[in-house]
Amino acid sequence: MEQLLENPYIRSPTLDTVLMVERTIEAHSGEYNRTGLWKNLPKKVMWQTFLVVLEYLESINKIAFDNEGRLAYIWNPRLVKLLRQRKEIVI
């Protein structure tokens, strides 16, 4: 998110774009690296906008990168609900 504050010319993604990228990562978890995912999105997105979305999803712990640079969807709402019930986390 620091990059967003430093460069005012980076385009801000719409909610539709964030959701599209997130759903594509979830459907193809572990298949693509950044470039591969970007090329296989259902709609075209500017590269800088795409990178902002990835940075955001990583910052809220919905995605992670493996050693080979592939994207994986790691968000588990059931686990979050369980931890909230146990009062182990507050979100």
PDB file of N, CA and C in Angstrom:
ATOM      1  N   MET A   1       0.811  -1.183   0.000  1.00  0.00           N
ATOM      2  CA  MET A   1       0.000   0.000   0.000  1.00  0.00           C
ATOM      3  C   MET A   1       0.860   1.254   0.000  1.00  0.00           C
ATOM      4  N   GLU A   2       2.102   1.127   0.420  1.00  0.00           N
ATOM      5  CA  GLU A   2       3.002   2.277   0.413  1.00  0.00           C
ATOM      6  C   GLU A   2       3.181   2.818  -0.989  1.00  0.00           C
ATOM      7  N   GLN A   3       3.197   1.917  -1.973  1.00  0.00           N
ATOM      8  CA  GLN A   3       3.389   2.325  -3.354  1.00  0.00           C
ATOM      9  C   GLN A   3       2.255   3.254  -3.785  1.00  0.00           C
ATOM     10  N   LEU A   4       1.051   3.003  -3.316  1.00  0.00           N
ATOM     11  CA  LEU A   4      -0.087   3.842  -3.664  1.00  0.00           C
ATOM     12  C   LEU A   4       0.123   5.279  -3.192  1.00  0.00           C
ATOM     13  N   LEU A   5       0.657   5.429  -2.009  1.00  0.00           N
ATOM     14  CA  LEU A   5       0.849   6.763  -1.454  1.00  0.00           C
ATOM     15  C   LEU A   5       1.995   7.498  -2.133  1.00  0.00           C
ATOM     16  N   GLU A   6       2.994   6.761  -2.577  1.00  0.00           N
ATOM     17  CA  GLU A   6       4.159   7.386  -3.197  1.00  0.00           C
ATOM     18  C   GLU A   6       3.891   7.846  -4.622  1.00  0.00           C
ATOM     19  N   ASN A   7       3.052   7.109  -5.357  1.00  0.00           N
ATOM     20  CA  ASN A   7       2.830   7.417  -6.758  1.00  0.00           C
ATOM     21  C   ASN A   7       1.363   7.767  -6.987  1.00  0.00           C
ATOM     22  N   PRO A   8       1.037   9.054  -7.130  1.00  0.00           N
ATOM     23  CA  PRO A   8      -0.362   9.449  -7.304  1.00  0.00           C
ATOM     24  C   PRO A   8      -0.926   9.087  -8.684  1.00  0.00           C
ATOM     25  N   TYR A   9      -0.096   8.597  -9.598  1.00  0.00           N
ATOM     26  CA  TYR A   9      -0.539   8.294 -10.952  1.00  0.00           C
ATOM     27  C   TYR A   9      -0.998   6.849 -11.118  1.00  0.00           C
ATOM     28  N   ILE A  10      -0.827   6.045 -10.072  1.00  0.00           N
ATOM     29  CA  ILE A  10      -1.299   4.671 -10.142  1.00  0.00           C
ATOM     30  C   ILE A  10      -2.816   4.697 -10.122  1.00  0.00           C
ATOM     31  N   ARG A  11      -3.407   3.914 -11.007  1.00  0.00           N
ATOM     32  CA  ARG A  11      -4.858   3.883 -11.103  1.00  0.00           C
ATOM     33  C   ARG A  11      -5.462   3.058  -9.990  1.00  0.00           C
ATOM     34  N   SER A  12      -6.528   3.531  -9.423  1.00  0.00           N
ATOM     35  CA  SER A  12      -7.227   2.803  -8.375  1.00  0.00           C
ATOM     36  C   SER A  12      -8.210   1.827  -9.009  1.00  0.00           C
ATOM     37  N   PRO A  13      -8.185   0.580  -8.574  1.00  0.00           N
ATOM     38  CA  PRO A  13      -9.106  -0.400  -9.145  1.00  0.00           C
ATOM     39  C   PRO A  13     -10.523  -0.215  -8.607  1.00  0.00           C
ATOM     40  N   THR A  14     -11.500  -0.589  -9.403  1.00  0.00           N
ATOM     41  CA  THR A  14     -12.881  -0.591  -8.940  1.00  0.00           C
ATOM     42  C   THR A  14     -13.125  -1.875  -8.158  1.00  0.00           C
ATOM     43  N   LEU A  15     -14.207  -1.900  -7.412  1.00  0.00           N
ATOM     44  CA  LEU A  15     -14.568  -3.100  -6.664  1.00  0.00           C
ATOM     45  C   LEU A  15     -14.769  -4.277  -7.609  1.00  0.00           C
ATOM     46  N   ASP A  16     -15.380  -4.035  -8.768  1.00  0.00           N
ATOM     47  CA  ASP A  16     -15.583  -5.105  -9.753  1.00  0.00           C
ATOM     48  C   ASP A  16     -14.262  -5.715 -10.187  1.00  0.00           C
ATOM     49  N   THR A  17     -13.248  -4.889 -10.369  1.00  0.00           N
ATOM     50  CA  THR A  17     -11.933  -5.379 -10.783  1.00  0.00           C
ATOM     51  C   THR A  17     -11.300  -6.209  -9.675  1.00  0.00           C
ATOM     52  N   VAL A  18     -11.375  -5.736  -8.445  1.00  0.00           N
ATOM     53  CA  VAL A  18     -10.809  -6.479  -7.318  1.00  0.00           C
ATOM     54  C   VAL A  18     -11.485  -7.842  -7.204  1.00  0.00           C
ATOM     55  N   LEU A  19     -12.807  -7.863  -7.286  1.00  0.00           N
ATOM     56  CA  LEU A  19     -13.540  -9.126  -7.179  1.00  0.00           C
ATOM     57  C   LEU A  19     -13.230 -10.069  -8.336  1.00  0.00           C
ATOM     58  N   MET A  20     -13.100  -9.533  -9.544  1.00  0.00           N
ATOM     59  CA  MET A  20     -12.780 -10.358 -10.700  1.00  0.00           C
ATOM     60  C   MET A  20     -11.417 -11.019 -10.518  1.00  0.00           C
ATOM     61  N   VAL A  21     -10.430 -10.251 -10.096  1.00  0.00           N
ATOM     62  CA  VAL A  21      -9.092 -10.808  -9.890  1.00  0.00           C
ATOM     63  C   VAL A  21      -9.119 -11.833  -8.764  1.00  0.00           C
ATOM     64  N   GLU A  22      -9.787 -11.508  -7.664  1.00  0.00           N
ATOM     65  CA  GLU A  22      -9.860 -12.430  -6.526  1.00  0.00           C
ATOM     66  C   GLU A  22     -10.524 -13.748  -6.927  1.00  0.00           C
ATOM     67  N   ARG A  23     -11.628 -13.682  -7.641  1.00  0.00           N
ATOM     68  CA  ARG A  23     -12.337 -14.904  -8.061  1.00  0.00           C
ATOM     69  C   ARG A  23     -11.504 -15.730  -9.042  1.00  0.00           C
ATOM     70  N   THR A  24     -10.766 -15.061  -9.899  1.00  0.00           N
ATOM     71  CA  THR A  24      -9.911 -15.778 -10.843  1.00  0.00           C
ATOM     72  C   THR A  24      -8.784 -16.488 -10.102  1.00  0.00           C
ATOM     73  N   ILE A  25      -8.198 -15.832  -9.127  1.00  0.00           N
ATOM     74  CA  ILE A  25      -7.143 -16.473  -8.326  1.00  0.00           C
ATOM     75  C   ILE A  25      -7.726 -17.669  -7.579  1.00  0.00           C
ATOM     76  N   GLU A  26      -8.912 -17.494  -6.999  1.00  0.00           N
ATOM     77  CA  GLU A  26      -9.532 -18.590  -6.250  1.00  0.00           C
ATOM     78  C   GLU A  26      -9.801 -19.785  -7.162  1.00  0.00           C
ATOM     79  N   ALA A  27     -10.280 -19.530  -8.378  1.00  0.00           N
ATOM     80  CA  ALA A  27     -10.602 -20.609  -9.309  1.00  0.00           C
ATOM     81  C   ALA A  27      -9.358 -21.304  -9.851  1.00  0.00           C
ATOM     82  N   HIS A  28      -8.247 -20.591  -9.932  1.00  0.00           N
ATOM     83  CA  HIS A  28      -7.022 -21.143 -10.528  1.00  0.00           C
ATOM     84  C   HIS A  28      -5.854 -21.099  -9.543  1.00  0.00           C
ATOM     85  N   SER A  29      -6.133 -21.303  -8.280  1.00  0.00           N
ATOM     86  CA  SER A  29      -5.121 -21.218  -7.235  1.00  0.00           C
ATOM     87  C   SER A  29      -3.947 -22.153  -7.516  1.00  0.00           C
ATOM     88  N   GLY A  30      -2.757 -21.586  -7.536  1.00  0.00           N
ATOM     89  CA  GLY A  30      -1.542 -22.367  -7.758  1.00  0.00           C
ATOM     90  C   GLY A  30      -1.172 -22.601  -9.205  1.00  0.00           C
ATOM     91  N   GLU A  31      -1.996 -22.161 -10.144  1.00  0.00           N
ATOM     92  CA  GLU A  31      -1.727 -22.402 -11.571  1.00  0.00           C
ATOM     93  C   GLU A  31      -0.842 -21.339 -12.220  1.00  0.00           C
ATOM     94  N   TYR A  32      -1.071 -20.089 -11.875  1.00  0.00           N
ATOM     95  CA  TYR A  32      -0.446 -18.985 -12.602  1.00  0.00           C
ATOM     96  C   TYR A  32       0.497 -18.165 -11.729  1.00  0.00           C
ATOM     97  N   ASN A  33       1.487 -17.561 -12.412  1.00  0.00           N
ATOM     98  CA  ASN A  33       2.261 -16.503 -11.777  1.00  0.00           C
ATOM     99  C   ASN A  33       1.546 -15.187 -12.101  1.00  0.00           C
ATOM    100  N   ARG A  34       2.134 -14.070 -11.739  1.00  0.00           N
ATOM    101  CA  ARG A  34       1.476 -12.774 -11.978  1.00  0.00           C
ATOM    102  C   ARG A  34       1.115 -12.569 -13.447  1.00  0.00           C
ATOM    103  N   THR A  35       2.094 -12.758 -14.312  1.00  0.00           N
ATOM    104  CA  THR A  35       1.869 -12.512 -15.743  1.00  0.00           C
ATOM    105  C   THR A  35       0.841 -13.469 -16.312  1.00  0.00           C
ATOM    106  N   GLY A  36       0.938 -14.735 -15.953  1.00  0.00           N
ATOM    107  CA  GLY A  36      -0.013 -15.730 -16.453  1.00  0.00           C
ATOM    108  C   GLY A  36      -1.437 -15.426 -16.034  1.00  0.00           C
ATOM    109  N   LEU A  37      -1.595 -15.015 -14.786  1.00  0.00           N
ATOM    110  CA  LEU A  37      -2.928 -14.664 -14.302  1.00  0.00           C
ATOM    111  C   LEU A  37      -3.450 -13.442 -15.041  1.00  0.00           C
ATOM    112  N   TRP A  38      -2.603 -12.433 -15.177  1.00  0.00           N
ATOM    113  CA  TRP A  38      -3.008 -11.198 -15.850  1.00  0.00           C
ATOM    114  C   TRP A  38      -3.483 -11.480 -17.270  1.00  0.00           C
ATOM    115  N   LYS A  39      -2.785 -12.351 -17.973  1.00  0.00           N
ATOM    116  CA  LYS A  39      -3.159 -12.691 -19.351  1.00  0.00           C
ATOM    117  C   LYS A  39      -4.433 -13.520 -19.426  1.00  0.00           C
ATOM    118  N   ASN A  40      -4.796 -14.195 -18.336  1.00  0.00           N
ATOM    119  CA  ASN A  40      -5.965 -15.077 -18.343  1.00  0.00           C
ATOM    120  C   ASN A  40      -7.167 -14.518 -17.592  1.00  0.00           C
ATOM    121  N   LEU A  41      -7.141 -13.231 -17.276  1.00  0.00           N
ATOM    122  CA  LEU A  41      -8.304 -12.618 -16.641  1.00  0.00           C
ATOM    123  C   LEU A  41      -9.459 -12.537 -17.642  1.00  0.00           C
ATOM    124  N   PRO A  42     -10.696 -12.636 -17.165  1.00  0.00           N
ATOM    125  CA  PRO A  42     -11.851 -12.559 -18.072  1.00  0.00           C
ATOM    126  C   PRO A  42     -11.961 -11.227 -18.817  1.00  0.00           C
ATOM    127  N   LYS A  43     -11.507 -10.148 -18.183  1.00  0.00           N
ATOM    128  CA  LYS A  43     -11.516  -8.817 -18.816  1.00  0.00           C
ATOM    129  C   LYS A  43     -10.129  -8.220 -18.704  1.00  0.00           C
ATOM    130  N   LYS A  44      -9.795  -7.343 -19.630  1.00  0.00           N
ATOM    131  CA  LYS A  44      -8.486  -6.704 -19.605  1.00  0.00           C
ATOM    132  C   LYS A  44      -8.399  -5.692 -18.463  1.00  0.00           C
ATOM    133  N   VAL A  45      -7.228  -5.669 -17.850  1.00  0.00           N
ATOM    134  CA  VAL A  45      -6.945  -4.747 -16.752  1.00  0.00           C
ATOM    135  C   VAL A  45      -5.555  -4.181 -16.996  1.00  0.00           C
ATOM    136  N   MET A  46      -5.375  -2.899 -16.724  1.00  0.00           N
ATOM    137  CA  MET A  46      -4.045  -2.310 -16.865  1.00  0.00           C
ATOM    138  C   MET A  46      -3.093  -2.986 -15.875  1.00  0.00           C
ATOM    139  N   TRP A  47      -1.839  -3.176 -16.294  1.00  0.00           N
ATOM    140  CA  TRP A  47      -0.846  -3.877 -15.474  1.00  0.00           C
ATOM    141  C   TRP A  47      -0.688  -3.224 -14.101  1.00  0.00           C
ATOM    142  N   GLN A  48      -0.557  -1.881 -14.055  1.00  0.00           N
ATOM    143  CA  GLN A  48      -0.375  -1.204 -12.776  1.00  0.00           C
ATOM    144  C   GLN A  48      -1.582  -1.396 -11.861  1.00  0.00           C
ATOM    145  N   THR A  49      -2.770  -1.350 -12.428  1.00  0.00           N
ATOM    146  CA  THR A  49      -3.991  -1.573 -11.656  1.00  0.00           C
ATOM    147  C   THR A  49      -4.012  -2.992 -11.112  1.00  0.00           C
ATOM    148  N   PHE A  50      -3.626  -3.937 -11.942  1.00  0.00           N
ATOM    149  CA  PHE A  50      -3.559  -5.347 -11.553  1.00  0.00           C
ATOM    150  C   PHE A  50      -2.596  -5.533 -10.383  1.00  0.00           C
ATOM    151  N   LEU A  51      -1.442  -4.891 -10.438  1.00  0.00           N
ATOM    152  CA  LEU A  51      -0.470  -5.007  -9.354  1.00  0.00           C
ATOM    153  C   LEU A  51      -1.005  -4.411  -8.053  1.00  0.00           C
ATOM    154  N   VAL A  52      -1.772  -3.325  -8.150  1.00  0.00           N
ATOM    155  CA  VAL A  52      -2.382  -2.730  -6.965  1.00  0.00           C
ATOM    156  C   VAL A  52      -3.367  -3.712  -6.334  1.00  0.00           C
ATOM    157  N   VAL A  53      -4.149  -4.403  -7.157  1.00  0.00           N
ATOM    158  CA  VAL A  53      -5.103  -5.387  -6.652  1.00  0.00           C
ATOM    159  C   VAL A  53      -4.362  -6.523  -5.948  1.00  0.00           C
ATOM    160  N   LEU A  54      -3.294  -7.025  -6.567  1.00  0.00           N
ATOM    161  CA  LEU A  54      -2.529  -8.108  -5.945  1.00  0.00           C
ATOM    162  C   LEU A  54      -1.934  -7.668  -4.610  1.00  0.00           C
ATOM    163  N   GLU A  55      -1.398  -6.458  -4.577  1.00  0.00           N
ATOM    164  CA  GLU A  55      -0.813  -5.933  -3.342  1.00  0.00           C
ATOM    165  C   GLU A  55      -1.881  -5.834  -2.253  1.00  0.00           C
ATOM    166  N   TYR A  56      -3.066  -5.387  -2.634  1.00  0.00           N
ATOM    167  CA  TYR A  56      -4.161  -5.287  -1.675  1.00  0.00           C
ATOM    168  C   TYR A  56      -4.576  -6.668  -1.160  1.00  0.00           C
ATOM    169  N   LEU A  57      -4.789  -7.626  -2.064  1.00  0.00           N
ATOM    170  CA  LEU A  57      -5.214  -8.968  -1.652  1.00  0.00           C
ATOM    171  C   LEU A  57      -4.167  -9.651  -0.779  1.00  0.00           C
ATOM    172  N   GLU A  58      -2.910  -9.402  -1.064  1.00  0.00           N
ATOM    173  CA  GLU A  58      -1.847  -9.971  -0.231  1.00  0.00           C
ATOM    174  C   GLU A  58      -1.827  -9.297   1.148  1.00  0.00           C
ATOM    175  N   SER A  59      -2.070  -8.005   1.189  1.00  0.00           N
ATOM    176  CA  SER A  59      -2.025  -7.277   2.469  1.00  0.00           C
ATOM    177  C   SER A  59      -3.151  -7.689   3.410  1.00  0.00           C
ATOM    178  N   ILE A  60      -4.272  -8.173   2.874  1.00  0.00           N
ATOM    179  CA  ILE A  60      -5.371  -8.622   3.732  1.00  0.00           C
ATOM    180  C   ILE A  60      -5.390 -10.148   3.855  1.00  0.00           C
ATOM    181  N   ASN A  61      -4.290 -10.771   3.470  1.00  0.00           N
ATOM    182  CA  ASN A  61      -4.085 -12.221   3.636  1.00  0.00           C
ATOM    183  C   ASN A  61      -5.106 -13.087   2.913  1.00  0.00           C
ATOM    184  N   LYS A  62      -5.475 -12.664   1.709  1.00  0.00           N
ATOM    185  CA  LYS A  62      -6.341 -13.502   0.893  1.00  0.00           C
ATOM    186  C   LYS A  62      -5.543 -14.310  -0.121  1.00  0.00           C
ATOM    187  N   ILE A  63      -4.358 -13.823  -0.485  1.00  0.00           N
ATOM    188  CA  ILE A  63      -3.509 -14.547  -1.425  1.00  0.00           C
ATOM    189  C   ILE A  63      -2.085 -14.616  -0.885  1.00  0.00           C
ATOM    190  N   ALA A  64      -1.332 -15.544  -1.445  1.00  0.00           N
ATOM    191  CA  ALA A  64       0.089 -15.669  -1.123  1.00  0.00           C
ATOM    192  C   ALA A  64       0.803 -16.162  -2.373  1.00  0.00           C
ATOM    193  N   PHE A  65       2.113 -16.021  -2.378  1.00  0.00           N
ATOM    194  CA  PHE A  65       2.935 -16.472  -3.501  1.00  0.00           C
ATOM    195  C   PHE A  65       3.806 -17.622  -3.035  1.00  0.00           C
ATOM    196  N   ASP A  66       3.943 -18.661  -3.884  1.00  0.00           N
ATOM    197  CA  ASP A  66       4.830 -19.766  -3.515  1.00  0.00           C
ATOM    198  C   ASP A  66       6.257 -19.443  -3.957  1.00  0.00           C
ATOM    199  N   ASN A  67       7.166 -20.374  -3.770  1.00  0.00           N
ATOM    200  CA  ASN A  67       8.582 -20.152  -4.103  1.00  0.00           C
ATOM    201  C   ASN A  67       8.815 -19.917  -5.591  1.00  0.00           C
ATOM    202  N   GLU A  68       7.907 -20.402  -6.421  1.00  0.00           N
ATOM    203  CA  GLU A  68       8.049 -20.232  -7.867  1.00  0.00           C
ATOM    204  C   GLU A  68       7.280 -19.023  -8.390  1.00  0.00           C
ATOM    205  N   GLY A  69       6.682 -18.244  -7.493  1.00  0.00           N
ATOM    206  CA  GLY A  69       5.981 -17.032  -7.894  1.00  0.00           C
ATOM    207  C   GLY A  69       4.533 -17.244  -8.288  1.00  0.00           C
ATOM    208  N   ARG A  70       4.004 -18.450  -8.098  1.00  0.00           N
ATOM    209  CA  ARG A  70       2.599 -18.699  -8.428  1.00  0.00           C
ATOM    210  C   ARG A  70       1.713 -18.186  -7.298  1.00  0.00           C
ATOM    211  N   LEU A  71       0.522 -17.746  -7.689  1.00  0.00           N
ATOM    212  CA  LEU A  71      -0.433 -17.205  -6.731  1.00  0.00           C
ATOM    213  C   LEU A  71      -1.314 -18.305  -6.172  1.00  0.00           C
ATOM    214  N   ALA A  72      -1.563 -18.248  -4.872  1.00  0.00           N
ATOM    215  CA  ALA A  72      -2.462 -19.192  -4.221  1.00  0.00           C
ATOM    216  C   ALA A  72      -3.489 -18.429  -3.409  1.00  0.00           C
ATOM    217  N   TYR A  73      -4.712 -18.909  -3.438  1.00  0.00           N
ATOM    218  CA  TYR A  73      -5.791 -18.308  -2.657  1.00  0.00           C
ATOM    219  C   TYR A  73      -5.783 -18.961  -1.287  1.00  0.00           C
ATOM    220  N   ILE A  74      -5.582 -18.186  -0.237  1.00  0.00           N
ATOM    221  CA  ILE A  74      -5.425 -18.765   1.095  1.00  0.00           C
ATOM    222  C   ILE A  74      -6.518 -18.362   2.070  1.00  0.00           C
ATOM    223  N   TRP A  75      -7.469 -17.557   1.655  1.00  0.00           N
ATOM    224  CA  TRP A  75      -8.524 -17.093   2.547  1.00  0.00           C
ATOM    225  C   TRP A  75      -9.464 -18.248   2.876  1.00  0.00           C
ATOM    226  N   ASN A  76      -9.790 -18.411   4.151  1.00  0.00           N
ATOM    227  CA  ASN A  76     -10.688 -19.459   4.594  1.00  0.00           C
ATOM    228  C   ASN A  76     -11.702 -18.849   5.559  1.00  0.00           C
ATOM    229  N   PRO A  77     -12.890 -18.488   5.060  1.00  0.00           N
ATOM    230  CA  PRO A  77     -13.867 -17.833   5.928  1.00  0.00           C
ATOM    231  C   PRO A  77     -14.354 -18.724   7.066  1.00  0.00           C
ATOM    232  N   ARG A  78     -14.363 -20.039   6.873  1.00  0.00           N
ATOM    233  CA  ARG A  78     -14.780 -20.945   7.956  1.00  0.00           C
ATOM    234  C   ARG A  78     -13.804 -20.870   9.123  1.00  0.00           C
ATOM    235  N   LEU A  79     -12.512 -20.795   8.799  1.00  0.00           N
ATOM    236  CA  LEU A  79     -11.508 -20.696   9.847  1.00  0.00           C
ATOM    237  C   LEU A  79     -11.639 -19.379  10.611  1.00  0.00           C
ATOM    238  N   VAL A  80     -11.887 -18.310   9.898  1.00  0.00           N
ATOM    239  CA  VAL A  80     -12.062 -17.000  10.533  1.00  0.00           C
ATOM    240  C   VAL A  80     -13.273 -17.039  11.461  1.00  0.00           C
ATOM    241  N   LYS A  81     -14.369 -17.632  10.991  1.00  0.00           N
ATOM    242  CA  LYS A  81     -15.575 -17.733  11.820  1.00  0.00           C
ATOM    243  C   LYS A  81     -15.295 -18.547  13.086  1.00  0.00           C
ATOM    244  N   LEU A  82     -14.580 -19.655  12.943  1.00  0.00           N
ATOM    245  CA  LEU A  82     -14.231 -20.494  14.090  1.00  0.00           C
ATOM    246  C   LEU A  82     -13.367 -19.732  15.091  1.00  0.00           C
ATOM    247  N   LEU A  83     -12.373 -19.024  14.588  1.00  0.00           N
ATOM    248  CA  LEU A  83     -11.498 -18.256  15.472  1.00  0.00           C
ATOM    249  C   LEU A  83     -12.247 -17.119  16.165  1.00  0.00           C
ATOM    250  N   ARG A  84     -13.191 -16.512  15.469  1.00  0.00           N
ATOM    251  CA  ARG A  84     -14.006 -15.464  16.098  1.00  0.00           C
ATOM    252  C   ARG A  84     -14.852 -16.047  17.224  1.00  0.00           C
ATOM    253  N   GLN A  85     -15.420 -17.224  16.984  1.00  0.00           N
ATOM    254  CA  GLN A  85     -16.234 -17.867  18.008  1.00  0.00           C
ATOM    255  C   GLN A  85     -15.403 -18.177  19.244  1.00  0.00           C
ATOM    256  N   ARG A  86     -14.171 -18.570  19.024  1.00  0.00           N
ATOM    257  CA  ARG A  86     -13.267 -18.877  20.138  1.00  0.00           C
ATOM    258  C   ARG A  86     -12.646 -17.613  20.739  1.00  0.00           C
ATOM    259  N   LYS A  87     -12.939 -16.481  20.095  1.00  0.00           N
ATOM    260  CA  LYS A  87     -12.421 -15.174  20.509  1.00  0.00           C
ATOM    261  C   LYS A  87     -10.885 -15.129  20.469  1.00  0.00           C
ATOM    262  N   GLU A  88     -10.330 -15.871  19.481  1.00  0.00           N
ATOM    263  CA  GLU A  88      -8.879 -15.869  19.308  1.00  0.00           C
ATOM    264  C   GLU A  88      -8.418 -14.731  18.419  1.00  0.00           C
ATOM    265  N   ILE A  89      -9.328 -14.245  17.558  1.00  0.00           N
ATOM    266  CA  ILE A  89      -8.977 -13.102  16.711  1.00  0.00           C
ATOM    267  C   ILE A  89     -10.130 -12.115  16.709  1.00  0.00           C
ATOM    268  N   VAL A  90      -9.829 -10.892  16.402  1.00  0.00           N
ATOM    269  CA  VAL A  90     -10.839  -9.861  16.264  1.00  0.00           C
ATOM    270  C   VAL A  90     -10.629  -9.209  14.911  1.00  0.00           C
ATOM    271  N   ILE A  91     -11.639  -9.333  14.076  1.00  0.00           N
ATOM    272  CA  ILE A  91     -11.556  -8.721  12.737  1.00  0.00           C
ATOM    273  C   ILE A  91     -12.737  -7.803  12.553  1.00  0.00           C
TER     274      ILE A  91
END
